PDB file of N, CA and C in Angstrom:
ATOM      1  N   MET A   1       8.339  14.343  11.172  1.00  0.00           N
ATOM      2  CA  MET A   1       7.194  13.470  11.005  1.00  0.00           C
ATOM      3  C   MET A   1       7.708  12.003  11.358  1.00  0.00           C
ATOM      4  N   ASN A   2       6.832  11.385  12.187  1.00  0.00           N
ATOM      5  CA  ASN A   2       7.213  10.006  12.599  1.00  0.00           C
ATOM      6  C   ASN A   2       6.894   8.988  11.450  1.00  0.00           C
ATOM      7  N   PRO A   3       7.474   7.836  11.590  1.00  0.00           N
ATOM      8  CA  PRO A   3       7.312   6.812  10.552  1.00  0.00           C
ATOM      9  C   PRO A   3       5.841   6.456  10.249  1.00  0.00           C
ATOM     10  N   TYR A   4       5.015   6.466  11.291  1.00  0.00           N
ATOM     11  CA  TYR A   4       3.612   6.138  11.139  1.00  0.00           C
ATOM     12  C   TYR A   4       2.888   7.189  10.338  1.00  0.00           C
ATOM     13  N   GLU A   5       3.184   8.433  10.592  1.00  0.00           N
ATOM     14  CA  GLU A   5       2.588   9.549   9.823  1.00  0.00           C
ATOM     15  C   GLU A   5       3.074   9.443   8.338  1.00  0.00           C
ATOM     16  N   ALA A   6       4.298   9.172   8.167  1.00  0.00           N
ATOM     17  CA  ALA A   6       4.820   9.055   6.764  1.00  0.00           C
ATOM     18  C   ALA A   6       4.152   7.868   6.046  1.00  0.00           C
ATOM     19  N   LEU A   7       3.910   6.787   6.738  1.00  0.00           N
ATOM     20  CA  LEU A   7       3.214   5.705   6.076  1.00  0.00           C
ATOM     21  C   LEU A   7       1.765   6.028   5.796  1.00  0.00           C
ATOM     22  N   ALA A   8       1.077   6.737   6.701  1.00  0.00           N
ATOM     23  CA  ALA A   8      -0.240   7.094   6.455  1.00  0.00           C
ATOM     24  C   ALA A   8      -0.374   8.081   5.292  1.00  0.00           C
ATOM     25  N   ASN A   9       0.589   9.002   5.232  1.00  0.00           N
ATOM     26  CA  ASN A   9       0.560   9.951   4.094  1.00  0.00           C
ATOM     27  C   ASN A   9       0.856   9.290   2.758  1.00  0.00           C
ATOM     28  N   ALA A  10       1.742   8.253   2.790  1.00  0.00           N
ATOM     29  CA  ALA A  10       1.987   7.497   1.553  1.00  0.00           C
ATOM     30  C   ALA A  10       0.849   6.727   1.116  1.00  0.00           C
ATOM     31  N   ILE A  11       0.044   6.173   2.004  1.00  0.00           N
ATOM     32  CA  ILE A  11      -1.090   5.341   1.684  1.00  0.00           C
ATOM     33  C   ILE A  11      -2.115   6.297   0.998  1.00  0.00           C
ATOM     34  N   ILE A  12      -2.407   7.418   1.646  1.00  0.00           N
ATOM     35  CA  ILE A  12      -3.365   8.410   1.117  1.00  0.00           C
ATOM     36  C   ILE A  12      -2.965   8.942  -0.183  1.00  0.00           C
ATOM     37  N   LEU A  13      -1.683   9.269  -0.368  1.00  0.00           N
ATOM     38  CA  LEU A  13      -1.205   9.814  -1.612  1.00  0.00           C
ATOM     39  C   LEU A  13      -1.325   8.733  -2.699  1.00  0.00           C
ATOM     40  N   GLN A  14      -1.025   7.489  -2.414  1.00  0.00           N
ATOM     41  CA  GLN A  14      -1.168   6.439  -3.473  1.00  0.00           C
ATOM     42  C   GLN A  14      -2.654   6.256  -3.853  1.00  0.00           C
ATOM     43  N   ALA A  15      -3.520   6.272  -2.870  1.00  0.00           N
ATOM     44  CA  ALA A  15      -4.963   6.134  -3.159  1.00  0.00           C
ATOM     45  C   ALA A  15      -5.385   7.321  -4.048  1.00  0.00           C
ATOM     46  N   ALA A  16      -4.935   8.498  -3.759  1.00  0.00           N
ATOM     47  CA  ALA A  16      -5.267   9.692  -4.608  1.00  0.00           C
ATOM     48  C   ALA A  16      -4.715   9.557  -6.062  1.00  0.00           C
ATOM     49  N   LYS A  17      -3.530   9.055  -6.159  1.00  0.00           N
ATOM     50  CA  LYS A  17      -2.881   8.835  -7.464  1.00  0.00           C
ATOM     51  C   LYS A  17      -3.780   7.763  -8.222  1.00  0.00           C
ATOM     52  N   ASP A  18      -4.132   6.691  -7.534  1.00  0.00           N
ATOM     53  CA  ASP A  18      -4.886   5.621  -8.166  1.00  0.00           C
ATOM     54  C   ASP A  18      -6.226   6.113  -8.597  1.00  0.00           C
ATOM     55  N   TYR A  19      -6.843   7.039  -7.769  1.00  0.00           N
ATOM     56  CA  TYR A  19      -8.150   7.569  -8.078  1.00  0.00           C
ATOM     57  C   TYR A  19      -8.066   8.474  -9.349  1.00  0.00           C
ATOM     58  N   ARG A  20      -7.065   9.243  -9.424  1.00  0.00           N
ATOM     59  CA  ARG A  20      -6.864  10.145 -10.606  1.00  0.00           C
ATOM     60  C   ARG A  20      -6.661   9.231 -11.856  1.00  0.00           C
ATOM     61  N   ALA A  21      -5.882   8.186 -11.692  1.00  0.00           N
ATOM     62  CA  ALA A  21      -5.619   7.296 -12.836  1.00  0.00           C
ATOM     63  C   ALA A  21      -6.865   6.632 -13.260  1.00  0.00           C
ATOM     64  N   SER A  22      -7.693   6.306 -12.319  1.00  0.00           N
ATOM     65  CA  SER A  22      -8.966   5.579 -12.693  1.00  0.00           C
ATOM     66  C   SER A  22      -9.955   6.479 -13.467  1.00  0.00           C
ATOM     67  N   LEU A  23      -9.727   7.767 -13.261  1.00  0.00           N
ATOM     68  CA  LEU A  23     -10.653   8.715 -13.961  1.00  0.00           C
ATOM     69  C   LEU A  23     -10.418   8.661 -15.447  1.00  0.00           C
ATOM     70  N   ILE A  24      -9.308   8.303 -15.902  1.00  0.00           N
ATOM     71  CA  ILE A  24      -8.990   8.247 -17.379  1.00  0.00           C
ATOM     72  C   ILE A  24      -9.117   6.837 -17.924  1.00  0.00           C
ATOM     73  N   LYS A  25      -9.277   5.824 -17.098  1.00  0.00           N
ATOM     74  CA  LYS A  25      -9.454   4.468 -17.541  1.00  0.00           C
ATOM     75  C   LYS A  25     -10.773   4.223 -18.113  1.00  0.00           C
ATOM     76  N   LYS A  26     -10.900   3.475 -19.124  1.00  0.00           N
ATOM     77  CA  LYS A  26     -12.222   3.189 -19.729  1.00  0.00           C
ATOM     78  C   LYS A  26     -13.128   2.457 -18.738  1.00  0.00           C
ATOM     79  N   ASN A  27     -12.587   1.551 -18.027  1.00  0.00           N
ATOM     80  CA  ASN A  27     -13.389   0.841 -17.036  1.00  0.00           C
ATOM     81  C   ASN A  27     -12.901   1.111 -15.593  1.00  0.00           C
ATOM     82  N   GLY A  28     -12.816   2.323 -15.254  1.00  0.00           N
ATOM     83  CA  GLY A  28     -12.295   2.735 -13.978  1.00  0.00           C
ATOM     84  C   GLY A  28     -13.302   2.893 -12.866  1.00  0.00           C
ATOM     85  N   ALA A  29     -14.562   2.692 -13.150  1.00  0.00           N
ATOM     86  CA  ALA A  29     -15.639   2.983 -12.246  1.00  0.00           C
ATOM     87  C   ALA A  29     -15.550   2.105 -11.001  1.00  0.00           C
ATOM     88  N   ALA A  30     -15.301   0.833 -11.181  1.00  0.00           N
ATOM     89  CA  ALA A  30     -15.223  -0.117 -10.041  1.00  0.00           C
ATOM     90  C   ALA A  30     -14.010   0.241  -9.159  1.00  0.00           C
ATOM     91  N   GLU A  31     -12.935   0.634  -9.780  1.00  0.00           N
ATOM     92  CA  GLU A  31     -11.776   1.008  -8.986  1.00  0.00           C
ATOM     93  C   GLU A  31     -12.038   2.270  -8.169  1.00  0.00           C
ATOM     94  N   ARG A  32     -12.735   3.220  -8.772  1.00  0.00           N
ATOM     95  CA  ARG A  32     -13.098   4.406  -8.088  1.00  0.00           C
ATOM     96  C   ARG A  32     -14.065   4.148  -6.840  1.00  0.00           C
ATOM     97  N   ARG A  33     -14.985   3.279  -7.044  1.00  0.00           N
ATOM     98  CA  ARG A  33     -15.927   2.886  -5.944  1.00  0.00           C
ATOM     99  C   ARG A  33     -15.071   2.302  -4.800  1.00  0.00           C
ATOM    100  N   GLN A  34     -14.118   1.468  -5.135  1.00  0.00           N
ATOM    101  CA  GLN A  34     -13.310   0.891  -4.000  1.00  0.00           C
ATOM    102  C   GLN A  34     -12.471   1.954  -3.266  1.00  0.00           C
ATOM    103  N   ILE A  35     -11.978   2.920  -4.053  1.00  0.00           N
ATOM    104  CA  ILE A  35     -11.126   3.929  -3.481  1.00  0.00           C
ATOM    105  C   ILE A  35     -12.022   4.877  -2.648  1.00  0.00           C
ATOM    106  N   ARG A  36     -13.208   5.244  -3.174  1.00  0.00           N
ATOM    107  CA  ARG A  36     -14.129   6.032  -2.359  1.00  0.00           C
ATOM    108  C   ARG A  36     -14.531   5.332  -1.105  1.00  0.00           C
ATOM    109  N   LYS A  37     -14.735   4.057  -1.146  1.00  0.00           N
ATOM    110  CA  LYS A  37     -15.031   3.252   0.051  1.00  0.00           C
ATOM    111  C   LYS A  37     -13.855   3.392   1.079  1.00  0.00           C
ATOM    112  N   PHE A  38     -12.622   3.301   0.591  1.00  0.00           N
ATOM    113  CA  PHE A  38     -11.488   3.505   1.530  1.00  0.00           C
ATOM    114  C   PHE A  38     -11.502   4.907   2.123  1.00  0.00           C
ATOM    115  N   PHE A  39     -11.720   5.930   1.285  1.00  0.00           N
ATOM    116  CA  PHE A  39     -11.697   7.282   1.768  1.00  0.00           C
ATOM    117  C   PHE A  39     -12.737   7.527   2.872  1.00  0.00           C
ATOM    118  N   ARG A  40     -13.845   6.759   2.793  1.00  0.00           N
ATOM    119  CA  ARG A  40     -14.944   6.936   3.804  1.00  0.00           C
ATOM    120  C   ARG A  40     -14.872   5.905   4.876  1.00  0.00           C
ATOM    121  N   SER A  41     -13.797   5.131   4.955  1.00  0.00           N
ATOM    122  CA  SER A  41     -13.687   4.048   5.939  1.00  0.00           C
ATOM    123  C   SER A  41     -13.158   4.523   7.285  1.00  0.00           C
ATOM    124  N   ARG A  42     -13.307   3.710   8.239  1.00  0.00           N
ATOM    125  CA  ARG A  42     -12.863   3.939   9.568  1.00  0.00           C
ATOM    126  C   ARG A  42     -11.298   4.087   9.581  1.00  0.00           C
ATOM    127  N   LEU A  43     -10.648   3.189   8.746  1.00  0.00           N
ATOM    128  CA  LEU A  43      -9.198   3.251   8.631  1.00  0.00           C
ATOM    129  C   LEU A  43      -8.730   4.595   8.160  1.00  0.00           C
ATOM    130  N   PHE A  44      -9.377   5.093   7.152  1.00  0.00           N
ATOM    131  CA  PHE A  44      -8.981   6.486   6.684  1.00  0.00           C
ATOM    132  C   PHE A  44      -9.177   7.499   7.765  1.00  0.00           C
ATOM    133  N   ALA A  45     -10.282   7.416   8.454  1.00  0.00           N
ATOM    134  CA  ALA A  45     -10.599   8.363   9.574  1.00  0.00           C
ATOM    135  C   ALA A  45      -9.561   8.268  10.681  1.00  0.00           C
ATOM    136  N   ASN A  46      -9.036   7.076  10.878  1.00  0.00           N
ATOM    137  CA  ASN A  46      -8.026   6.910  11.943  1.00  0.00           C
ATOM    138  C   ASN A  46      -6.652   7.427  11.532  1.00  0.00           C
ATOM    139  N   ILE A  47      -6.372   7.470  10.207  1.00  0.00           N
ATOM    140  CA  ILE A  47      -4.984   7.948   9.798  1.00  0.00           C
ATOM    141  C   ILE A  47      -5.012   9.326   9.220  1.00  0.00           C
ATOM    142  N   SER A  48      -6.200   9.933   9.143  1.00  0.00           N
ATOM    143  CA  SER A  48      -6.249  11.311   8.513  1.00  0.00           C
ATOM    144  C   SER A  48      -7.419  12.056   9.092  1.00  0.00           C
ATOM    145  N   ASP A  49      -7.146  13.433   9.174  1.00  0.00           N
ATOM    146  CA  ASP A  49      -8.281  14.283   9.608  1.00  0.00           C
ATOM    147  C   ASP A  49      -8.980  14.901   8.417  1.00  0.00           C
ATOM    148  N   ALA A  50      -8.551  14.491   7.181  1.00  0.00           N
ATOM    149  CA  ALA A  50      -9.143  15.066   5.981  1.00  0.00           C
ATOM    150  C   ALA A  50     -10.619  14.664   5.775  1.00  0.00           C
ATOM    151  N   ASN A  51     -11.338  15.564   5.254  1.00  0.00           N
ATOM    152  CA  ASN A  51     -12.747  15.285   4.903  1.00  0.00           C
ATOM    153  C   ASN A  51     -12.750  14.453   3.603  1.00  0.00           C
ATOM    154  N   PRO A  52     -13.228  13.250   3.617  1.00  0.00           N
ATOM    155  CA  PRO A  52     -13.181  12.321   2.467  1.00  0.00           C
ATOM    156  C   PRO A  52     -13.995  12.837   1.312  1.00  0.00           C
ATOM    157  N   ASP A  53     -15.185  13.446   1.535  1.00  0.00           N
ATOM    158  CA  ASP A  53     -15.991  13.901   0.430  1.00  0.00           C
ATOM    159  C   ASP A  53     -15.320  15.061  -0.223  1.00  0.00           C
ATOM    160  N   TYR A  54     -14.682  15.900   0.548  1.00  0.00           N
ATOM    161  CA  TYR A  54     -13.954  17.051  -0.029  1.00  0.00           C
ATOM    162  C   TYR A  54     -12.811  16.560  -0.863  1.00  0.00           C
ATOM    163  N   LEU A  55     -12.119  15.630  -0.331  1.00  0.00           N
ATOM    164  CA  LEU A  55     -10.908  15.012  -1.028  1.00  0.00           C
ATOM    165  C   LEU A  55     -11.385  14.428  -2.389  1.00  0.00           C
ATOM    166  N   ILE A  56     -12.408  13.692  -2.387  1.00  0.00           N
ATOM    167  CA  ILE A  56     -12.970  13.088  -3.656  1.00  0.00           C
ATOM    168  C   ILE A  56     -13.405  14.154  -4.597  1.00  0.00           C
ATOM    169  N   GLU A  57     -14.080  15.170  -4.099  1.00  0.00           N
ATOM    170  CA  GLU A  57     -14.571  16.309  -4.909  1.00  0.00           C
ATOM    171  C   GLU A  57     -13.341  16.966  -5.571  1.00  0.00           C
ATOM    172  N   ARG A  58     -12.283  17.244  -4.858  1.00  0.00           N
ATOM    173  CA  ARG A  58     -11.067  17.872  -5.413  1.00  0.00           C
ATOM    174  C   ARG A  58     -10.415  17.051  -6.406  1.00  0.00           C
ATOM    175  N   LEU A  59     -10.339  15.711  -6.152  1.00  0.00           N
ATOM    176  CA  LEU A  59      -9.721  14.875  -7.138  1.00  0.00           C
ATOM    177  C   LEU A  59     -10.518  14.846  -8.429  1.00  0.00           C
ATOM    178  N   GLU A  60     -11.805  14.832  -8.319  1.00  0.00           N
ATOM    179  CA  GLU A  60     -12.626  14.825  -9.587  1.00  0.00           C
ATOM    180  C   GLU A  60     -12.610  16.138 -10.309  1.00  0.00           C
ATOM    181  N   ALA A  61     -12.524  17.219  -9.508  1.00  0.00           N
ATOM    182  CA  ALA A  61     -12.449  18.613 -10.131  1.00  0.00           C
ATOM    183  C   ALA A  61     -11.211  18.800 -10.947  1.00  0.00           C
ATOM    184  N   LYS A  62     -10.149  18.209 -10.450  1.00  0.00           N
ATOM    185  CA  LYS A  62      -8.849  18.347 -11.218  1.00  0.00           C
ATOM    186  C   LYS A  62      -8.829  17.614 -12.528  1.00  0.00           C
ATOM    187  N   HIS A  63      -9.727  16.662 -12.589  1.00  0.00           N
ATOM    188  CA  HIS A  63      -9.827  15.839 -13.857  1.00  0.00           C
ATOM    189  C   HIS A  63     -10.542  16.565 -14.964  1.00  0.00           C
ATOM    190  N   VAL A  64     -11.516  17.405 -14.596  1.00  0.00           N
ATOM    191  CA  VAL A  64     -12.272  18.122 -15.595  1.00  0.00           C
ATOM    192  C   VAL A  64     -11.573  19.190 -16.346  1.00  0.00           C
TER     193      VAL A  64
END
């Protein structure tokens, strides 16, 4: 894995961790909106082939 792929993976992994953490925060809705915006952004599309809606769905399903 090249350094750029490693950085992209680290960014996405941190966003996923932050999203999961926001699910248990009392006032995490605004944070989740920002992270969903990132997952659906052009930047995310440029660094990942993942389907953002599927990713969000899986993160929320693990919370339940």
